[in-house]
Amino acid sequence: MKTSLSILLFALTMTAVVILQQCSGPEKQEPLLIGISKGAPESSYGNYARWLGTIDTMVVCVDLYHMPVDSALSLLDKCSGLVLSGGPDVYPGRYGQEA
């Protein structure tokens, strides 16, 4: 009786190990494509891409600023997200701040 119980517990344990290995196995993950409205110059706007890269190493950021509109729109269809980067040219009165 003890032998059959030991065999059963061993079989259940091995089954659980195999199932867990299959569930947590490496999956080929597609990169997460993120469009950035303006990602250059690197010294100031590059922070957006660096910040996103710290969250997920599979993030690929694309600077849309210098693209023709039709190319940017086509690429946006493939993007998982869009970062609207700000800048010094945004008039503060547009968002309720003093100009």
Protein backbone atom coordinates (compact mmCIF):
# COMPACT_ATOMS: atom_id res chain seq x y z
CA MET A 1 0.00 0.00 0.00
CA LYS A 2 2.82 2.43 0.91
CA THR A 3 4.61 1.59 -2.33
CA SER A 4 1.58 2.35 -4.52
CA LEU A 5 0.96 5.59 -2.60
CA SER A 6 4.60 6.60 -3.09
CA ILE A 7 4.37 5.86 -6.79
CA LEU A 8 1.15 7.86 -7.08
CA LEU A 9 2.67 10.86 -5.25
CA PHE A 10 5.78 10.67 -7.40
CA ALA A 11 3.68 10.57 -10.59
CA LEU A 12 1.57 13.52 -9.47
CA THR A 13 4.67 15.51 -8.55
CA MET A 14 6.32 14.82 -11.89
CA THR A 15 3.12 15.75 -13.74
CA ALA A 16 2.93 19.04 -11.86
CA VAL A 17 6.59 19.79 -12.67
CA VAL A 18 6.06 19.13 -16.38
CA ILE A 19 2.92 21.28 -16.49
CA LEU A 20 4.62 24.15 -14.67
CA GLN A 21 7.63 24.00 -17.00
CA GLN A 22 5.37 24.17 -20.03
CA CYS A 23 3.40 27.09 -18.60
CA SER A 24 6.45 29.12 -17.67
CA GLY A 25 8.54 28.17 -20.69
CA PRO A 26 10.10 30.91 -22.76
CA GLU A 27 7.67 32.29 -25.26
CA LYS A 28 8.83 34.24 -28.25
CA GLN A 29 7.59 37.69 -27.44
CA GLU A 30 6.99 40.29 -30.12
CA PRO A 31 8.54 43.70 -29.48
CA LEU A 32 6.16 46.35 -28.21
CA LEU A 33 6.18 49.13 -30.82
CA ILE A 34 5.66 52.63 -29.39
CA GLY A 35 5.46 55.75 -31.53
CA ILE A 36 6.85 59.01 -30.14
CA SER A 37 5.57 62.26 -31.64
CA LYS A 38 9.06 63.78 -31.35
CA GLY A 39 11.99 61.68 -30.13
CA ALA A 40 14.98 63.81 -31.18
CA PRO A 41 17.26 65.48 -30.28
CA GLU A 42 18.46 62.62 -28.12
CA SER A 43 19.72 64.94 -25.37
CA SER A 44 16.20 65.96 -24.36
CA TYR A 45 13.59 63.81 -26.10
CA GLY A 46 15.59 60.59 -25.81
CA ASN A 47 14.47 60.34 -22.18
CA TYR A 48 11.08 59.05 -23.35
CA ALA A 49 12.62 56.03 -25.10
CA ARG A 50 15.04 55.38 -22.22
CA TRP A 51 12.21 55.51 -19.67
CA LEU A 52 10.06 53.10 -21.67
CA GLY A 53 13.07 50.79 -22.07
CA THR A 54 13.46 50.55 -18.30
CA ILE A 55 9.88 49.33 -18.00
CA ASP A 56 10.14 46.65 -20.69
CA THR A 57 13.25 45.64 -22.61
CA MET A 58 11.08 44.52 -25.54
CA VAL A 59 9.94 48.11 -26.24
CA VAL A 60 10.94 49.56 -29.59
CA CYS A 61 10.40 53.32 -29.87
CA VAL A 62 9.93 55.01 -33.23
CA ASP A 63 10.36 58.76 -33.73
CA LEU A 64 7.48 59.89 -35.95
CA TYR A 65 8.48 63.57 -36.15
CA HIS A 66 10.49 63.55 -39.38
CA MET A 67 8.30 61.05 -41.22
CA PRO A 68 5.88 62.04 -43.95
CA VAL A 69 2.33 62.08 -42.59
CA ASP A 70 1.17 59.06 -44.62
CA SER A 71 4.17 56.99 -43.45
CA ALA A 72 3.63 58.00 -39.82
CA LEU A 73 -0.07 57.12 -40.00
CA SER A 74 0.72 53.75 -41.57
CA LEU A 75 3.25 53.01 -38.82
CA LEU A 76 0.80 54.11 -36.12
CA ASP A 77 -1.53 51.32 -37.24
CA LYS A 78 1.18 48.86 -36.15
CA CYS A 79 2.01 50.64 -32.87
CA SER A 80 0.78 49.47 -29.49
CA GLY A 81 0.96 52.98 -28.09
CA LEU A 82 1.79 56.60 -28.76
CA VAL A 83 3.71 59.05 -26.58
CA LEU A 84 2.84 62.68 -27.25
CA SER A 85 6.05 64.39 -26.20
CA GLY A 86 5.80 67.95 -25.00
CA GLY A 87 8.23 70.74 -25.60
CA PRO A 88 9.02 74.38 -25.00
CA ASP A 89 6.82 75.38 -27.95
CA VAL A 90 3.57 74.37 -26.20
CA TYR A 91 1.76 77.54 -25.13
CA PRO A 92 0.96 77.23 -21.37
CA GLY A 93 -2.40 79.00 -21.82
CA ARG A 94 -3.65 75.95 -23.74
CA TYR A 95 -3.64 73.92 -20.54
CA GLY A 96 -4.77 76.60 -18.11
CA GLN A 97 -1.38 77.88 -16.94
CA GLU A 98 -0.09 81.44 -16.98
CA ALA A 99 1.63 82.46 -20.18
